[in-house]
Amino acid sequence: HRLLHFAKEQDRQDELIQGLYKANFAEER
């Protein structure tokens, strides 16, 4: 969540949250 707030400042919040979701729910790592 802290990283997502940083990403918001860089206009990359949606890209990061989608990547985190995919990593958590779909990937083995």
PDB file of all heavy atoms in Angstrom:
ATOM      1  N   HIS A   1       0.830  -1.207   0.000  1.00  0.00           N
ATOM      2  CA  HIS A   1       0.000   0.000   0.000  1.00  0.00           C
ATOM      3  C   HIS A   1       0.866   1.259   0.000  1.00  0.00           C
ATOM      4  O   HIS A   1       0.536   2.248  -0.679  1.00  0.00           O
ATOM      5  CB  HIS A   1      -0.938  -0.007   1.203  1.00  0.00           C
ATOM      6  CG  HIS A   1      -2.073  -0.967   1.080  1.00  0.00           C
ATOM      7  ND1 HIS A   1      -3.060  -0.833   0.129  1.00  0.00           N
ATOM      8  CD2 HIS A   1      -2.381  -2.098   1.780  1.00  0.00           C
ATOM      9  CE1 HIS A   1      -3.922  -1.827   0.249  1.00  0.00           C
ATOM     10  NE2 HIS A   1      -3.533  -2.609   1.239  1.00  0.00           N
ATOM     11  N   ARG A   2       1.965   1.228   0.737  1.00  0.00           N
ATOM     12  CA  ARG A   2       2.868   2.380   0.714  1.00  0.00           C
ATOM     13  C   ARG A   2       3.411   2.591  -0.695  1.00  0.00           C
ATOM     14  O   ARG A   2       3.477   3.722  -1.198  1.00  0.00           O
ATOM     15  CB  ARG A   2       4.026   2.165   1.703  1.00  0.00           C
ATOM     16  CG  ARG A   2       3.601   2.135   3.156  1.00  0.00           C
ATOM     17  CD  ARG A   2       4.779   2.311   4.108  1.00  0.00           C
ATOM     18  NE  ARG A   2       5.796   1.287   3.977  1.00  0.00           N
ATOM     19  CZ  ARG A   2       7.020   1.511   3.504  1.00  0.00           C
ATOM     20  NH1 ARG A   2       7.369   2.729   3.099  1.00  0.00           N
ATOM     21  NH2 ARG A   2       7.905   0.530   3.439  1.00  0.00           N
ATOM     22  N   LEU A   3       3.770   1.504  -1.343  1.00  0.00           N
ATOM     23  CA  LEU A   3       4.307   1.584  -2.697  1.00  0.00           C
ATOM     24  C   LEU A   3       3.244   2.072  -3.685  1.00  0.00           C
ATOM     25  O   LEU A   3       3.547   2.803  -4.634  1.00  0.00           O
ATOM     26  CB  LEU A   3       4.829   0.206  -3.113  1.00  0.00           C
ATOM     27  CG  LEU A   3       5.889   0.148  -4.227  1.00  0.00           C
ATOM     28  CD1 LEU A   3       7.098   1.002  -3.873  1.00  0.00           C
ATOM     29  CD2 LEU A   3       6.298  -1.296  -4.469  1.00  0.00           C
ATOM     30  N   LEU A   4       1.995   1.706  -3.451  1.00  0.00           N
ATOM     31  CA  LEU A   4       0.907   2.171  -4.315  1.00  0.00           C
ATOM     32  C   LEU A   4       0.696   3.683  -4.192  1.00  0.00           C
ATOM     33  O   LEU A   4       0.347   4.345  -5.174  1.00  0.00           O
ATOM     34  CB  LEU A   4      -0.390   1.420  -3.982  1.00  0.00           C
ATOM     35  CG  LEU A   4      -0.473   0.009  -4.553  1.00  0.00           C
ATOM     36  CD1 LEU A   4      -1.597  -0.783  -3.867  1.00  0.00           C
ATOM     37  CD2 LEU A   4      -0.710   0.052  -6.058  1.00  0.00           C
ATOM     38  N   HIS A   5       0.905   4.239  -3.016  1.00  0.00           N
ATOM     39  CA  HIS A   5       0.803   5.688  -2.869  1.00  0.00           C
ATOM     40  C   HIS A   5       1.937   6.384  -3.619  1.00  0.00           C
ATOM     41  O   HIS A   5       1.727   7.450  -4.228  1.00  0.00           O
ATOM     42  CB  HIS A   5       0.803   6.079  -1.391  1.00  0.00           C
ATOM     43  CG  HIS A   5      -0.558   6.004  -0.766  1.00  0.00           C
ATOM     44  ND1 HIS A   5      -1.491   7.005  -0.906  1.00  0.00           N
ATOM     45  CD2 HIS A   5      -1.149   5.035  -0.027  1.00  0.00           C
ATOM     46  CE1 HIS A   5      -2.604   6.667  -0.265  1.00  0.00           C
ATOM     47  NE2 HIS A   5      -2.424   5.478   0.269  1.00  0.00           N
ATOM     48  N   PHE A   6       3.121   5.801  -3.568  1.00  0.00           N
ATOM     49  CA  PHE A   6       4.226   6.339  -4.365  1.00  0.00           C
ATOM     50  C   PHE A   6       3.891   6.257  -5.850  1.00  0.00           C
ATOM     51  O   PHE A   6       4.112   7.210  -6.607  1.00  0.00           O
ATOM     52  CB  PHE A   6       5.503   5.552  -4.052  1.00  0.00           C
ATOM     53  CG  PHE A   6       6.607   5.769  -5.051  1.00  0.00           C
ATOM     54  CD1 PHE A   6       7.220   7.005  -5.178  1.00  0.00           C
ATOM     55  CD2 PHE A   6       7.037   4.725  -5.855  1.00  0.00           C
ATOM     56  CE1 PHE A   6       8.243   7.209  -6.105  1.00  0.00           C
ATOM     57  CE2 PHE A   6       8.052   4.916  -6.786  1.00  0.00           C
ATOM     58  CZ  PHE A   6       8.660   6.158  -6.908  1.00  0.00           C
ATOM     59  N   ALA A   7       3.336   5.127  -6.275  1.00  0.00           N
ATOM     60  CA  ALA A   7       2.978   4.939  -7.683  1.00  0.00           C
ATOM     61  C   ALA A   7       1.927   5.947  -8.128  1.00  0.00           C
ATOM     62  O   ALA A   7       1.933   6.385  -9.285  1.00  0.00           O
ATOM     63  CB  ALA A   7       2.475   3.519  -7.909  1.00  0.00           C
ATOM     64  N   LYS A   8       1.027   6.318  -7.237  1.00  0.00           N
ATOM     65  CA  LYS A   8       0.009   7.319  -7.572  1.00  0.00           C
ATOM     66  C   LYS A   8       0.667   8.644  -7.940  1.00  0.00           C
ATOM     67  O   LYS A   8       0.246   9.319  -8.888  1.00  0.00           O
ATOM     68  CB  LYS A   8      -0.953   7.509  -6.403  1.00  0.00           C
ATOM     69  CG  LYS A   8      -2.079   8.503  -6.677  1.00  0.00           C
ATOM     70  CD  LYS A   8      -3.020   8.585  -5.487  1.00  0.00           C
ATOM     71  CE  LYS A   8      -4.172   9.543  -5.763  1.00  0.00           C
ATOM     72  NZ  LYS A   8      -3.700  10.940  -5.924  1.00  0.00           N
ATOM     73  N   GLU A   9       1.698   9.024  -7.220  1.00  0.00           N
ATOM     74  CA  GLU A   9       2.404  10.269  -7.522  1.00  0.00           C
ATOM     75  C   GLU A   9       3.064  10.222  -8.902  1.00  0.00           C
ATOM     76  O   GLU A   9       3.287  11.254  -9.525  1.00  0.00           O
ATOM     77  CB  GLU A   9       3.473  10.541  -6.465  1.00  0.00           C
ATOM     78  CG  GLU A   9       2.924  10.924  -5.101  1.00  0.00           C
ATOM     79  CD  GLU A   9       4.013  11.290  -4.134  1.00  0.00           C
ATOM     80  OE1 GLU A   9       5.203  11.033  -4.453  1.00  0.00           O
ATOM     81  OE2 GLU A   9       3.703  11.838  -3.064  1.00  0.00           O
ATOM     82  N   GLN A  10       3.374   9.011  -9.350  1.00  0.00           N
ATOM     83  CA  GLN A  10       4.031   8.835 -10.649  1.00  0.00           C
ATOM     84  C   GLN A  10       3.047   8.470 -11.761  1.00  0.00           C
ATOM     85  O   GLN A  10       3.459   8.114 -12.864  1.00  0.00           O
ATOM     86  CB  GLN A  10       5.092   7.715 -10.538  1.00  0.00           C
ATOM     87  CG  GLN A  10       6.059   7.874  -9.384  1.00  0.00           C
ATOM     88  CD  GLN A  10       6.863   9.150  -9.464  1.00  0.00           C
ATOM     89  OE1 GLN A  10       7.380   9.493 -10.518  1.00  0.00           O
ATOM     90  NE2 GLN A  10       6.984   9.859  -8.343  1.00  0.00           N
ATOM     91  N   ASP A  11       1.753   8.546 -11.454  1.00  0.00           N
ATOM     92  CA  ASP A  11       0.703   8.183 -12.415  1.00  0.00           C
ATOM     93  C   ASP A  11       0.831   6.740 -12.896  1.00  0.00           C
ATOM     94  O   ASP A  11       0.512   6.427 -14.050  1.00  0.00           O
ATOM     95  CB  ASP A  11       0.723   9.129 -13.630  1.00  0.00           C
ATOM     96  CG  ASP A  11       0.335  10.548 -13.257  1.00  0.00           C
ATOM     97  OD1 ASP A  11      -0.541  10.708 -12.394  1.00  0.00           O
ATOM     98  OD2 ASP A  11       0.920  11.494 -13.819  1.00  0.00           O
ATOM     99  N   ARG A  12       1.259   5.856 -11.999  1.00  0.00           N
ATOM    100  CA  ARG A  12       1.402   4.439 -12.356  1.00  0.00           C
ATOM    101  C   ARG A  12       0.671   3.556 -11.352  1.00  0.00           C
ATOM    102  O   ARG A  12       0.947   2.363 -11.243  1.00  0.00           O
ATOM    103  CB  ARG A  12       2.888   4.019 -12.411  1.00  0.00           C
ATOM    104  CG  ARG A  12       3.784   4.893 -13.257  1.00  0.00           C
ATOM    105  CD  ARG A  12       3.352   4.967 -14.696  1.00  0.00           C
ATOM    106  NE  ARG A  12       3.455   3.697 -15.393  1.00  0.00           N
ATOM    107  CZ  ARG A  12       3.066   3.506 -16.648  1.00  0.00           C
ATOM    108  NH1 ARG A  12       2.515   4.506 -17.324  1.00  0.00           N
ATOM    109  NH2 ARG A  12       3.197   2.325 -17.228  1.00  0.00           N
ATOM    110  N   GLN A  13      -0.296   4.122 -10.660  1.00  0.00           N
ATOM    111  CA  GLN A  13      -0.954   3.366  -9.599  1.00  0.00           C
ATOM    112  C   GLN A  13      -1.743   2.178 -10.135  1.00  0.00           C
ATOM    113  O   GLN A  13      -1.664   1.071  -9.597  1.00  0.00           O
ATOM    114  CB  GLN A  13      -1.868   4.287  -8.785  1.00  0.00           C
ATOM    115  CG  GLN A  13      -2.404   3.634  -7.523  1.00  0.00           C
ATOM    116  CD  GLN A  13      -3.366   4.523  -6.765  1.00  0.00           C
ATOM    117  OE1 GLN A  13      -4.259   5.131  -7.361  1.00  0.00           O
ATOM    118  NE2 GLN A  13      -3.216   4.612  -5.465  1.00  0.00           N
ATOM    119  N   ASP A  14      -2.511   2.394 -11.184  1.00  0.00           N
ATOM    120  CA  ASP A  14      -3.324   1.300 -11.707  1.00  0.00           C
ATOM    121  C   ASP A  14      -2.456   0.183 -12.249  1.00  0.00           C
ATOM    122  O   ASP A  14      -2.765  -1.012 -12.065  1.00  0.00           O
ATOM    123  CB  ASP A  14      -4.270   1.806 -12.796  1.00  0.00           C
ATOM    124  CG  ASP A  14      -5.319   0.759 -13.155  1.00  0.00           C
ATOM    125  OD1 ASP A  14      -6.215   0.515 -12.322  1.00  0.00           O
ATOM    126  OD2 ASP A  14      -5.220   0.164 -14.256  1.00  0.00           O
ATOM    127  N   GLU A  15      -1.352   0.551 -12.910  1.00  0.00           N
ATOM    128  CA  GLU A  15      -0.443  -0.470 -13.436  1.00  0.00           C
ATOM    129  C   GLU A  15       0.156  -1.318 -12.315  1.00  0.00           C
ATOM    130  O   GLU A  15       0.290  -2.534 -12.436  1.00  0.00           O
ATOM    131  CB  GLU A  15       0.682   0.184 -14.234  1.00  0.00           C
ATOM    132  CG  GLU A  15       0.243   0.800 -15.555  1.00  0.00           C
ATOM    133  CD  GLU A  15      -0.366   2.184 -15.413  1.00  0.00           C
ATOM    134  OE1 GLU A  15      -0.495   2.667 -14.266  1.00  0.00           O
ATOM    135  OE2 GLU A  15      -0.717   2.782 -16.444  1.00  0.00           O
ATOM    136  N   LEU A  16       0.490  -0.655 -11.197  1.00  0.00           N
ATOM    137  CA  LEU A  16       1.095  -1.396 -10.092  1.00  0.00           C
ATOM    138  C   LEU A  16       0.083  -2.288  -9.394  1.00  0.00           C
ATOM    139  O   LEU A  16       0.384  -3.450  -9.098  1.00  0.00           O
ATOM    140  CB  LEU A  16       1.731  -0.433  -9.085  1.00  0.00           C
ATOM    141  CG  LEU A  16       2.396  -1.115  -7.880  1.00  0.00           C
ATOM    142  CD1 LEU A  16       3.477  -2.096  -8.323  1.00  0.00           C
ATOM    143  CD2 LEU A  16       2.966  -0.078  -6.923  1.00  0.00           C
ATOM    144  N   ILE A  17      -1.102  -1.767  -9.129  1.00  0.00           N
ATOM    145  CA  ILE A  17      -2.067  -2.603  -8.407  1.00  0.00           C
ATOM    146  C   ILE A  17      -2.476  -3.810  -9.243  1.00  0.00           C
ATOM    147  O   ILE A  17      -2.648  -4.920  -8.722  1.00  0.00           O
ATOM    148  CB  ILE A  17      -3.303  -1.784  -7.949  1.00  0.00           C
ATOM    149  CG1 ILE A  17      -4.045  -2.553  -6.849  1.00  0.00           C
ATOM    150  CG2 ILE A  17      -4.239  -1.451  -9.108  1.00  0.00           C
ATOM    151  CD1 ILE A  17      -5.114  -1.739  -6.145  1.00  0.00           C
ATOM    152  N   GLN A  18      -2.578  -3.628 -10.546  1.00  0.00           N
ATOM    153  CA  GLN A  18      -2.907  -4.764 -11.395  1.00  0.00           C
ATOM    154  C   GLN A  18      -1.780  -5.787 -11.390  1.00  0.00           C
ATOM    155  O   GLN A  18      -2.017  -6.999 -11.366  1.00  0.00           O
ATOM    156  CB  GLN A  18      -3.197  -4.300 -12.824  1.00  0.00           C
ATOM    157  CG  GLN A  18      -3.794  -5.377 -13.725  1.00  0.00           C
ATOM    158  CD  GLN A  18      -5.116  -5.916 -13.194  1.00  0.00           C
ATOM    159  OE1 GLN A  18      -5.906  -5.178 -12.598  1.00  0.00           O
ATOM    160  NE2 GLN A  18      -5.362  -7.196 -13.392  1.00  0.00           N
ATOM    161  N   GLY A  19      -0.534  -5.303 -11.401  1.00  0.00           N
ATOM    162  CA  GLY A  19       0.606  -6.218 -11.340  1.00  0.00           C
ATOM    163  C   GLY A  19       0.675  -6.969 -10.020  1.00  0.00           C
ATOM    164  O   GLY A  19       1.011  -8.164  -9.988  1.00  0.00           O
ATOM    165  N   LEU A  20       0.363  -6.283  -8.936  1.00  0.00           N
ATOM    166  CA  LEU A  20       0.355  -6.935  -7.627  1.00  0.00           C
ATOM    167  C   LEU A  20      -0.746  -7.990  -7.539  1.00  0.00           C
ATOM    168  O   LEU A  20      -0.534  -9.091  -7.009  1.00  0.00           O
ATOM    169  CB  LEU A  20       0.170  -5.890  -6.528  1.00  0.00           C
ATOM    170  CG  LEU A  20       1.360  -4.954  -6.274  1.00  0.00           C
ATOM    171  CD1 LEU A  20       0.936  -3.781  -5.392  1.00  0.00           C
ATOM    172  CD2 LEU A  20       2.513  -5.718  -5.635  1.00  0.00           C
ATOM    173  N   TYR A  21      -1.929  -7.657  -8.042  1.00  0.00           N
ATOM    174  CA  TYR A  21      -3.023  -8.635  -8.053  1.00  0.00           C
ATOM    175  C   TYR A  21      -2.624  -9.888  -8.840  1.00  0.00           C
ATOM    176  O   TYR A  21      -2.811 -11.028  -8.385  1.00  0.00           O
ATOM    177  CB  TYR A  21      -4.274  -8.027  -8.697  1.00  0.00           C
ATOM    178  CG  TYR A  21      -5.121  -7.182  -7.791  1.00  0.00           C
ATOM    179  CD1 TYR A  21      -5.738  -6.030  -8.287  1.00  0.00           C
ATOM    180  CD2 TYR A  21      -5.342  -7.509  -6.460  1.00  0.00           C
ATOM    181  CE1 TYR A  21      -6.544  -5.239  -7.481  1.00  0.00           C
ATOM    182  CE2 TYR A  21      -6.136  -6.728  -5.650  1.00  0.00           C
ATOM    183  CZ  TYR A  21      -6.732  -5.595  -6.163  1.00  0.00           C
ATOM    184  OH  TYR A  21      -7.520  -4.812  -5.359  1.00  0.00           O
ATOM    185  N   LYS A  22      -2.114  -9.669 -10.042  1.00  0.00           N
ATOM    186  CA  LYS A  22      -1.739 -10.800 -10.887  1.00  0.00           C
ATOM    187  C   LYS A  22      -0.670 -11.655 -10.225  1.00  0.00           C
ATOM    188  O   LYS A  22      -0.753 -12.889 -10.229  1.00  0.00           O
ATOM    189  CB  LYS A  22      -1.245 -10.298 -12.242  1.00  0.00           C
ATOM    190  CG  LYS A  22      -0.879 -11.419 -13.209  1.00  0.00           C
ATOM    191  CD  LYS A  22      -0.383 -10.860 -14.540  1.00  0.00           C
ATOM    192  CE  LYS A  22       0.027 -12.003 -15.477  1.00  0.00           C
ATOM    193  NZ  LYS A  22       0.585 -11.472 -16.749  1.00  0.00           N
ATOM    194  N   ALA A  23       0.320 -10.993  -9.626  1.00  0.00           N
ATOM    195  CA  ALA A  23       1.392 -11.729  -8.964  1.00  0.00           C
ATOM    196  C   ALA A  23       0.861 -12.548  -7.791  1.00  0.00           C
ATOM    197  O   ALA A  23       1.270 -13.698  -7.575  1.00  0.00           O
ATOM    198  CB  ALA A  23       2.469 -10.752  -8.491  1.00  0.00           C
ATOM    199  N   ASN A  24      -0.059 -11.960  -7.028  1.00  0.00           N
ATOM    200  CA  ASN A  24      -0.573 -12.652  -5.840  1.00  0.00           C
ATOM    201  C   ASN A  24      -1.526 -13.783  -6.178  1.00  0.00           C
ATOM    202  O   ASN A  24      -1.477 -14.854  -5.565  1.00  0.00           O
ATOM    203  CB  ASN A  24      -1.267 -11.652  -4.908  1.00  0.00           C
ATOM    204  CG  ASN A  24      -1.719 -12.284  -3.610  1.00  0.00           C
ATOM    205  OD1 ASN A  24      -1.017 -13.116  -3.042  1.00  0.00           O
ATOM    206  ND2 ASN A  24      -2.894 -11.910  -3.144  1.00  0.00           N
ATOM    207  N   PHE A  25      -2.390 -13.557  -7.150  1.00  0.00           N
ATOM    208  CA  PHE A  25      -3.451 -14.531  -7.411  1.00  0.00           C
ATOM    209  C   PHE A  25      -3.183 -15.481  -8.573  1.00  0.00           C
ATOM    210  O   PHE A  25      -3.815 -16.540  -8.645  1.00  0.00           O
ATOM    211  CB  PHE A  25      -4.779 -13.809  -7.649  1.00  0.00           C
ATOM    212  CG  PHE A  25      -5.305 -13.115  -6.430  1.00  0.00           C
ATOM    213  CD1 PHE A  25      -5.286 -11.731  -6.336  1.00  0.00           C
ATOM    214  CD2 PHE A  25      -5.788 -13.842  -5.355  1.00  0.00           C
ATOM    215  CE1 PHE A  25      -5.755 -11.089  -5.206  1.00  0.00           C
ATOM    216  CE2 PHE A  25      -6.258 -13.214  -4.211  1.00  0.00           C
ATOM    217  CZ  PHE A  25      -6.236 -11.826  -4.142  1.00  0.00           C
ATOM    218  N   ALA A  26      -2.267 -15.127  -9.456  1.00  0.00           N
ATOM    219  CA  ALA A  26      -2.102 -15.947 -10.659  1.00  0.00           C
ATOM    220  C   ALA A  26      -0.712 -16.550 -10.841  1.00  0.00           C
ATOM    221  O   ALA A  26      -0.562 -17.522 -11.580  1.00  0.00           O
ATOM    222  CB  ALA A  26      -2.448 -15.114 -11.894  1.00  0.00           C
ATOM    223  N   GLU A  27       0.298 -15.986 -10.171  1.00  0.00           N
ATOM    224  CA  GLU A  27       1.661 -16.446 -10.402  1.00  0.00           C
ATOM    225  C   GLU A  27       2.163 -17.299  -9.247  1.00  0.00           C
ATOM    226  O   GLU A  27       1.684 -17.191  -8.116  1.00  0.00           O
ATOM    227  CB  GLU A  27       2.574 -15.235 -10.624  1.00  0.00           C
ATOM    228  CG  GLU A  27       2.193 -14.420 -11.857  1.00  0.00           C
ATOM    229  CD  GLU A  27       3.060 -13.192 -12.036  1.00  0.00           C
ATOM    230  OE1 GLU A  27       3.981 -12.967 -11.215  1.00  0.00           O
ATOM    231  OE2 GLU A  27       2.818 -12.447 -13.003  1.00  0.00           O
ATOM    232  N   GLU A  28       3.148 -18.142  -9.541  1.00  0.00           N
ATOM    233  CA  GLU A  28       3.668 -19.064  -8.525  1.00  0.00           C
ATOM    234  C   GLU A  28       4.538 -18.354  -7.494  1.00  0.00           C
ATOM    235  O   GLU A  28       4.532 -18.716  -6.319  1.00  0.00           O
ATOM    236  CB  GLU A  28       4.459 -20.186  -9.195  1.00  0.00           C
ATOM    237  CG  GLU A  28       3.592 -21.164  -9.990  1.00  0.00           C
ATOM    238  CD  GLU A  28       4.382 -22.365 -10.473  1.00  0.00           C
ATOM    239  OE1 GLU A  28       5.513 -22.566  -9.980  1.00  0.00           O
ATOM    240  OE2 GLU A  28       3.866 -23.104 -11.329  1.00  0.00           O
ATOM    241  N   ARG A  29       5.291 -17.360  -7.907  1.00  0.00           N
ATOM    242  CA  ARG A  29       6.168 -16.665  -6.967  1.00  0.00           C
ATOM    243  C   ARG A  29       5.354 -15.819  -5.995  1.00  0.00           C
ATOM    244  O   ARG A  29       4.389 -15.164  -6.381  1.00  0.00           O
ATOM    245  CB  ARG A  29       7.167 -15.793  -7.729  1.00  0.00           C
ATOM    246  CG  ARG A  29       8.164 -16.580  -8.554  1.00  0.00           C
ATOM    247  CD  ARG A  29       9.063 -15.632  -9.316  1.00  0.00           C
ATOM    248  NE  ARG A  29       9.798 -14.752  -8.409  1.00  0.00           N
ATOM    249  CZ  ARG A  29      10.439 -13.646  -8.805  1.00  0.00           C
ATOM    250  NH1 ARG A  29      10.388 -13.282 -10.077  1.00  0.00           N
ATOM    251  NH2 ARG A  29      11.089 -12.917  -7.928  1.00  0.00           N
TER     252      ARG A  29
END
